[in-house]
Amino acid sequence: MLLRQASLHESRGDYEAAIAGYDRAIEVEPRNWQLYLLRGSARFKDGRIEASIEDLDQVVALEPSQDP
């Protein structure tokens, strides 16, 4: 439910709401690397480049196979 809502906000260009939704989803599943990837993407689209990089670093920390 949280992920669906966040994705809907992101698809509508409401990145602030999307990021907040991904934040809540991460609180529930802090080891889910895919949530950090999604939030990182939304942060990037919102111009929050440094925060996006932090999320992508967390993706690699949780799932090393995602290292480019």
PDB file of N, CA and C in Angstrom:
ATOM      1  N   MET A   1       0.826  -1.185   0.000  1.00  0.00           N
ATOM      2  CA  MET A   1       0.000   0.000   0.000  1.00  0.00           C
ATOM      3  C   MET A   1       0.878   1.260   0.000  1.00  0.00           C
ATOM      4  N   LEU A   2       1.857   1.320   0.899  1.00  0.00           N
ATOM      5  CA  LEU A   2       2.742   2.492   0.954  1.00  0.00           C
ATOM      6  C   LEU A   2       3.499   2.668  -0.351  1.00  0.00           C
ATOM      7  N   LEU A   3       3.998   1.565  -0.864  1.00  0.00           N
ATOM      8  CA  LEU A   3       4.774   1.616  -2.103  1.00  0.00           C
ATOM      9  C   LEU A   3       3.892   2.052  -3.268  1.00  0.00           C
ATOM     10  N   ARG A   4       2.699   1.540  -3.332  1.00  0.00           N
ATOM     11  CA  ARG A   4       1.780   1.900  -4.411  1.00  0.00           C
ATOM     12  C   ARG A   4       1.466   3.396  -4.388  1.00  0.00           C
ATOM     13  N   GLN A   5       1.212   3.917  -3.202  1.00  0.00           N
ATOM     14  CA  GLN A   5       0.906   5.350  -3.066  1.00  0.00           C
ATOM     15  C   GLN A   5       2.111   6.203  -3.457  1.00  0.00           C
ATOM     16  N   ALA A   6       3.285   5.802  -2.996  1.00  0.00           N
ATOM     17  CA  ALA A   6       4.498   6.557  -3.323  1.00  0.00           C
ATOM     18  C   ALA A   6       4.746   6.550  -4.827  1.00  0.00           C
ATOM     19  N   SER A   7       4.575   5.399  -5.440  1.00  0.00           N
ATOM     20  CA  SER A   7       4.778   5.290  -6.884  1.00  0.00           C
ATOM     21  C   SER A   7       3.772   6.144  -7.652  1.00  0.00           C
ATOM     22  N   LEU A   8       2.543   6.185  -7.181  1.00  0.00           N
ATOM     23  CA  LEU A   8       1.520   7.014  -7.817  1.00  0.00           C
ATOM     24  C   LEU A   8       1.898   8.493  -7.735  1.00  0.00           C
ATOM     25  N   HIS A   9       2.333   8.929  -6.559  1.00  0.00           N
ATOM     26  CA  HIS A   9       2.774  10.319  -6.406  1.00  0.00           C
ATOM     27  C   HIS A   9       3.930  10.625  -7.362  1.00  0.00           C
ATOM     28  N   GLU A  10       4.874   9.690  -7.445  1.00  0.00           N
ATOM     29  CA  GLU A  10       6.029   9.914  -8.316  1.00  0.00           C
ATOM     30  C   GLU A  10       5.593  10.007  -9.777  1.00  0.00           C
ATOM     31  N   SER A  11       4.678   9.141 -10.189  1.00  0.00           N
ATOM     32  CA  SER A  11       4.226   9.167 -11.583  1.00  0.00           C
ATOM     33  C   SER A  11       3.507  10.469 -11.933  1.00  0.00           C
ATOM     34  N   ARG A  12       2.967  11.131 -10.916  1.00  0.00           N
ATOM     35  CA  ARG A  12       2.278  12.408 -11.126  1.00  0.00           C
ATOM     36  C   ARG A  12       3.209  13.607 -10.971  1.00  0.00           C
ATOM     37  N   GLY A  13       4.479  13.319 -10.684  1.00  0.00           N
ATOM     38  CA  GLY A  13       5.450  14.398 -10.542  1.00  0.00           C
ATOM     39  C   GLY A  13       5.464  15.040  -9.171  1.00  0.00           C
ATOM     40  N   ASP A  14       4.755  14.455  -8.217  1.00  0.00           N
ATOM     41  CA  ASP A  14       4.733  14.966  -6.842  1.00  0.00           C
ATOM     42  C   ASP A  14       5.833  14.251  -6.057  1.00  0.00           C
ATOM     43  N   TYR A  15       7.053  14.685  -6.293  1.00  0.00           N
ATOM     44  CA  TYR A  15       8.213  13.988  -5.741  1.00  0.00           C
ATOM     45  C   TYR A  15       8.303  14.109  -4.226  1.00  0.00           C
ATOM     46  N   GLU A  16       7.893  15.229  -3.684  1.00  0.00           N
ATOM     47  CA  GLU A  16       7.929  15.395  -2.228  1.00  0.00           C
ATOM     48  C   GLU A  16       7.050  14.356  -1.544  1.00  0.00           C
ATOM     49  N   ALA A  17       5.837  14.160  -2.043  1.00  0.00           N
ATOM     50  CA  ALA A  17       4.932  13.157  -1.473  1.00  0.00           C
ATOM     51  C   ALA A  17       5.466  11.750  -1.723  1.00  0.00           C
ATOM     52  N   ALA A  18       6.047  11.531  -2.894  1.00  0.00           N
ATOM     53  CA  ALA A  18       6.616  10.225  -3.204  1.00  0.00           C
ATOM     54  C   ALA A  18       7.751   9.889  -2.237  1.00  0.00           C
ATOM     55  N   ILE A  19       8.631  10.841  -2.016  1.00  0.00           N
ATOM     56  CA  ILE A  19       9.762  10.628  -1.106  1.00  0.00           C
ATOM     57  C   ILE A  19       9.260  10.339   0.301  1.00  0.00           C
ATOM     58  N   ALA A  20       8.248  11.065   0.740  1.00  0.00           N
ATOM     59  CA  ALA A  20       7.673  10.822   2.069  1.00  0.00           C
ATOM     60  C   ALA A  20       7.107   9.410   2.144  1.00  0.00           C
ATOM     61  N   GLY A  21       6.466   8.958   1.076  1.00  0.00           N
ATOM     62  CA  GLY A  21       5.931   7.599   1.040  1.00  0.00           C
ATOM     63  C   GLY A  21       7.023   6.552   1.083  1.00  0.00           C
ATOM     64  N   TYR A  22       8.083   6.773   0.322  1.00  0.00           N
ATOM     65  CA  TYR A  22       9.212   5.846   0.358  1.00  0.00           C
ATOM     66  C   TYR A  22       9.868   5.859   1.738  1.00  0.00           C
ATOM     67  N   ASP A  23       9.926   7.029   2.382  1.00  0.00           N
ATOM     68  CA  ASP A  23      10.461   7.109   3.740  1.00  0.00           C
ATOM     69  C   ASP A  23       9.686   6.182   4.675  1.00  0.00           C
ATOM     70  N   ARG A  24       8.360   6.242   4.590  1.00  0.00           N
ATOM     71  CA  ARG A  24       7.521   5.395   5.454  1.00  0.00           C
ATOM     72  C   ARG A  24       7.724   3.915   5.134  1.00  0.00           C
ATOM     73  N   ALA A  25       7.833   3.592   3.859  1.00  0.00           N
ATOM     74  CA  ALA A  25       8.055   2.203   3.470  1.00  0.00           C
ATOM     75  C   ALA A  25       9.406   1.703   3.989  1.00  0.00           C
ATOM     76  N   ILE A  26      10.417   2.557   3.950  1.00  0.00           N
ATOM     77  CA  ILE A  26      11.742   2.183   4.450  1.00  0.00           C
ATOM     78  C   ILE A  26      11.708   1.982   5.962  1.00  0.00           C
ATOM     79  N   GLU A  27      10.906   2.748   6.672  1.00  0.00           N
ATOM     80  CA  GLU A  27      10.763   2.541   8.117  1.00  0.00           C
ATOM     81  C   GLU A  27      10.240   1.137   8.417  1.00  0.00           C
ATOM     82  N   VAL A  28       9.356   0.634   7.562  1.00  0.00           N
ATOM     83  CA  VAL A  28       8.775  -0.694   7.746  1.00  0.00           C
ATOM     84  C   VAL A  28       9.742  -1.788   7.300  1.00  0.00           C
ATOM     85  N   GLU A  29      10.469  -1.532   6.213  1.00  0.00           N
ATOM     86  CA  GLU A  29      11.399  -2.519   5.648  1.00  0.00           C
ATOM     87  C   GLU A  29      12.774  -1.895   5.414  1.00  0.00           C
ATOM     88  N   PRO A  30      13.520  -1.634   6.465  1.00  0.00           N
ATOM     89  CA  PRO A  30      14.789  -0.918   6.306  1.00  0.00           C
ATOM     90  C   PRO A  30      15.877  -1.688   5.551  1.00  0.00           C
ATOM     91  N   ARG A  31      15.711  -2.970   5.343  1.00  0.00           N
ATOM     92  CA  ARG A  31      16.728  -3.757   4.642  1.00  0.00           C
ATOM     93  C   ARG A  31      16.348  -4.017   3.184  1.00  0.00           C
ATOM     94  N   ASN A  32      15.262  -3.404   2.730  1.00  0.00           N
ATOM     95  CA  ASN A  32      14.805  -3.596   1.351  1.00  0.00           C
ATOM     96  C   ASN A  32      15.531  -2.606   0.438  1.00  0.00           C
ATOM     97  N   TRP A  33      16.529  -3.083  -0.263  1.00  0.00           N
ATOM     98  CA  TRP A  33      17.355  -2.208  -1.096  1.00  0.00           C
ATOM     99  C   TRP A  33      16.555  -1.562  -2.220  1.00  0.00           C
ATOM    100  N   GLN A  34      15.506  -2.225  -2.678  1.00  0.00           N
ATOM    101  CA  GLN A  34      14.716  -1.672  -3.783  1.00  0.00           C
ATOM    102  C   GLN A  34      14.011  -0.377  -3.379  1.00  0.00           C
ATOM    103  N   LEU A  35      13.632  -0.269  -2.117  1.00  0.00           N
ATOM    104  CA  LEU A  35      12.994   0.962  -1.645  1.00  0.00           C
ATOM    105  C   LEU A  35      13.965   2.137  -1.681  1.00  0.00           C
ATOM    106  N   TYR A  36      15.218   1.874  -1.339  1.00  0.00           N
ATOM    107  CA  TYR A  36      16.238   2.934  -1.415  1.00  0.00           C
ATOM    108  C   TYR A  36      16.478   3.340  -2.865  1.00  0.00           C
ATOM    109  N   LEU A  37      16.429   2.374  -3.771  1.00  0.00           N
ATOM    110  CA  LEU A  37      16.591   2.675  -5.189  1.00  0.00           C
ATOM    111  C   LEU A  37      15.456   3.570  -5.686  1.00  0.00           C
ATOM    112  N   LEU A  38      14.237   3.235  -5.301  1.00  0.00           N
ATOM    113  CA  LEU A  38      13.084   4.039  -5.706  1.00  0.00           C
ATOM    114  C   LEU A  38      13.136   5.444  -5.118  1.00  0.00           C
ATOM    115  N   ARG A  39      13.483   5.518  -3.820  1.00  0.00           N
ATOM    116  CA  ARG A  39      13.572   6.837  -3.190  1.00  0.00           C
ATOM    117  C   ARG A  39      14.714   7.644  -3.804  1.00  0.00           C
ATOM    118  N   GLY A  40      15.816   6.989  -4.098  1.00  0.00           N
ATOM    119  CA  GLY A  40      16.939   7.665  -4.725  1.00  0.00           C
ATOM    120  C   GLY A  40      16.565   8.232  -6.083  1.00  0.00           C
ATOM    121  N   SER A  41      15.783   7.490  -6.831  1.00  0.00           N
ATOM    122  CA  SER A  41      15.316   7.964  -8.128  1.00  0.00           C
ATOM    123  C   SER A  41      14.409   9.185  -7.971  1.00  0.00           C
ATOM    124  N   ALA A  42      13.484   9.120  -7.022  1.00  0.00           N
ATOM    125  CA  ALA A  42      12.582  10.253  -6.786  1.00  0.00           C
ATOM    126  C   ALA A  42      13.368  11.476  -6.309  1.00  0.00           C
ATOM    127  N   ARG A  43      14.342  11.254  -5.438  1.00  0.00           N
ATOM    128  CA  ARG A  43      15.154  12.371  -4.962  1.00  0.00           C
ATOM    129  C   ARG A  43      15.938  12.999  -6.110  1.00  0.00           C
ATOM    130  N   PHE A  44      16.462  12.177  -7.000  1.00  0.00           N
ATOM    131  CA  PHE A  44      17.197  12.688  -8.154  1.00  0.00           C
ATOM    132  C   PHE A  44      16.287  13.554  -9.024  1.00  0.00           C
ATOM    133  N   LYS A  45      15.094  13.041  -9.305  1.00  0.00           N
ATOM    134  CA  LYS A  45      14.131  13.789 -10.131  1.00  0.00           C
ATOM    135  C   LYS A  45      13.735  15.105  -9.472  1.00  0.00           C
ATOM    136  N   ASP A  46      13.792  15.140  -8.145  1.00  0.00           N
ATOM    137  CA  ASP A  46      13.434  16.345  -7.399  1.00  0.00           C
ATOM    138  C   ASP A  46      14.624  17.290  -7.227  1.00  0.00           C
ATOM    139  N   GLY A  47      15.780  16.899  -7.772  1.00  0.00           N
ATOM    140  CA  GLY A  47      16.963  17.745  -7.688  1.00  0.00           C
ATOM    141  C   GLY A  47      17.774  17.571  -6.421  1.00  0.00           C
ATOM    142  N   ARG A  48      17.459  16.578  -5.644  1.00  0.00           N
ATOM    143  CA  ARG A  48      18.187  16.303  -4.393  1.00  0.00           C
ATOM    144  C   ARG A  48      19.303  15.293  -4.681  1.00  0.00           C
ATOM    145  N   ILE A  49      20.302  15.763  -5.381  1.00  0.00           N
ATOM    146  CA  ILE A  49      21.341  14.883  -5.909  1.00  0.00           C
ATOM    147  C   ILE A  49      22.143  14.203  -4.807  1.00  0.00           C
ATOM    148  N   GLU A  50      22.591  14.954  -3.817  1.00  0.00           N
ATOM    149  CA  GLU A  50      23.386  14.364  -2.726  1.00  0.00           C
ATOM    150  C   GLU A  50      22.587  13.294  -1.982  1.00  0.00           C
ATOM    151  N   ALA A  51      21.326  13.583  -1.693  1.00  0.00           N
ATOM    152  CA  ALA A  51      20.477  12.602  -1.005  1.00  0.00           C
ATOM    153  C   ALA A  51      20.262  11.371  -1.882  1.00  0.00           C
ATOM    154  N   SER A  52      20.151  11.588  -3.180  1.00  0.00           N
ATOM    155  CA  SER A  52      19.997  10.485  -4.114  1.00  0.00           C
ATOM    156  C   SER A  52      21.233   9.580  -4.088  1.00  0.00           C
ATOM    157  N   ILE A  53      22.386  10.186  -4.084  1.00  0.00           N
ATOM    158  CA  ILE A  53      23.633   9.418  -4.030  1.00  0.00           C
ATOM    159  C   ILE A  53      23.712   8.606  -2.741  1.00  0.00           C
ATOM    160  N   GLU A  54      23.287   9.199  -1.630  1.00  0.00           N
ATOM    161  CA  GLU A  54      23.282   8.467  -0.355  1.00  0.00           C
ATOM    162  C   GLU A  54      22.389   7.237  -0.445  1.00  0.00           C
ATOM    163  N   ASP A  55      21.222   7.390  -1.062  1.00  0.00           N
ATOM    164  CA  ASP A  55      20.328   6.241  -1.220  1.00  0.00           C
ATOM    165  C   ASP A  55      20.964   5.168  -2.096  1.00  0.00           C
ATOM    166  N   LEU A  56      21.604   5.580  -3.180  1.00  0.00           N
ATOM    167  CA  LEU A  56      22.223   4.602  -4.069  1.00  0.00           C
ATOM    168  C   LEU A  56      23.410   3.915  -3.397  1.00  0.00           C
ATOM    169  N   ASP A  57      24.124   4.626  -2.544  1.00  0.00           N
ATOM    170  CA  ASP A  57      25.180   3.988  -1.747  1.00  0.00           C
ATOM    171  C   ASP A  57      24.576   2.931  -0.820  1.00  0.00           C
ATOM    172  N   GLN A  58      23.407   3.223  -0.265  1.00  0.00           N
ATOM    173  CA  GLN A  58      22.731   2.269   0.618  1.00  0.00           C
ATOM    174  C   GLN A  58      22.279   1.036  -0.170  1.00  0.00           C
ATOM    175  N   VAL A  59      21.866   1.236  -1.409  1.00  0.00           N
ATOM    176  CA  VAL A  59      21.493   0.099  -2.265  1.00  0.00           C
ATOM    177  C   VAL A  59      22.667  -0.855  -2.380  1.00  0.00           C
ATOM    178  N   VAL A  60      23.840  -0.323  -2.682  1.00  0.00           N
ATOM    179  CA  VAL A  60      25.034  -1.154  -2.855  1.00  0.00           C
ATOM    180  C   VAL A  60      25.428  -1.809  -1.532  1.00  0.00           C
ATOM    181  N   ALA A  61      25.266  -1.097  -0.429  1.00  0.00           N
ATOM    182  CA  ALA A  61      25.599  -1.679   0.876  1.00  0.00           C
ATOM    183  C   ALA A  61      24.699  -2.859   1.209  1.00  0.00           C
ATOM    184  N   LEU A  62      23.425  -2.751   0.859  1.00  0.00           N
ATOM    185  CA  LEU A  62      22.476  -3.812   1.172  1.00  0.00           C
ATOM    186  C   LEU A  62      22.505  -4.934   0.139  1.00  0.00           C
ATOM    187  N   GLU A  63      22.827  -4.596  -1.098  1.00  0.00           N
ATOM    188  CA  GLU A  63      22.820  -5.578  -2.196  1.00  0.00           C
ATOM    189  C   GLU A  63      24.009  -5.325  -3.118  1.00  0.00           C
ATOM    190  N   PRO A  64      25.179  -5.869  -2.727  1.00  0.00           N
ATOM    191  CA  PRO A  64      26.404  -5.587  -3.489  1.00  0.00           C
ATOM    192  C   PRO A  64      26.321  -5.927  -4.972  1.00  0.00           C
ATOM    193  N   SER A  65      25.443  -6.831  -5.359  1.00  0.00           N
ATOM    194  CA  SER A  65      25.334  -7.172  -6.782  1.00  0.00           C
ATOM    195  C   SER A  65      24.813  -6.007  -7.615  1.00  0.00           C
ATOM    196  N   GLN A  66      24.286  -4.966  -6.962  1.00  0.00           N
ATOM    197  CA  GLN A  66      23.767  -3.788  -7.674  1.00  0.00           C
ATOM    198  C   GLN A  66      24.841  -2.734  -7.931  1.00  0.00           C
ATOM    199  N   ASP A  67      26.074  -3.025  -7.525  1.00  0.00           N
ATOM    200  CA  ASP A  67      27.174  -2.087  -7.775  1.00  0.00           C
ATOM    201  C   ASP A  67      27.462  -2.047  -9.260  1.00  0.00           C
ATOM    202  N   PRO A  68      27.419  -0.848  -9.846  1.00  0.00           N
ATOM    203  CA  PRO A  68      27.599  -0.759 -11.322  1.00  0.00           C
ATOM    204  C   PRO A  68      28.932  -1.196 -11.798  1.00  0.00           C
TER     205      PRO A  68
END
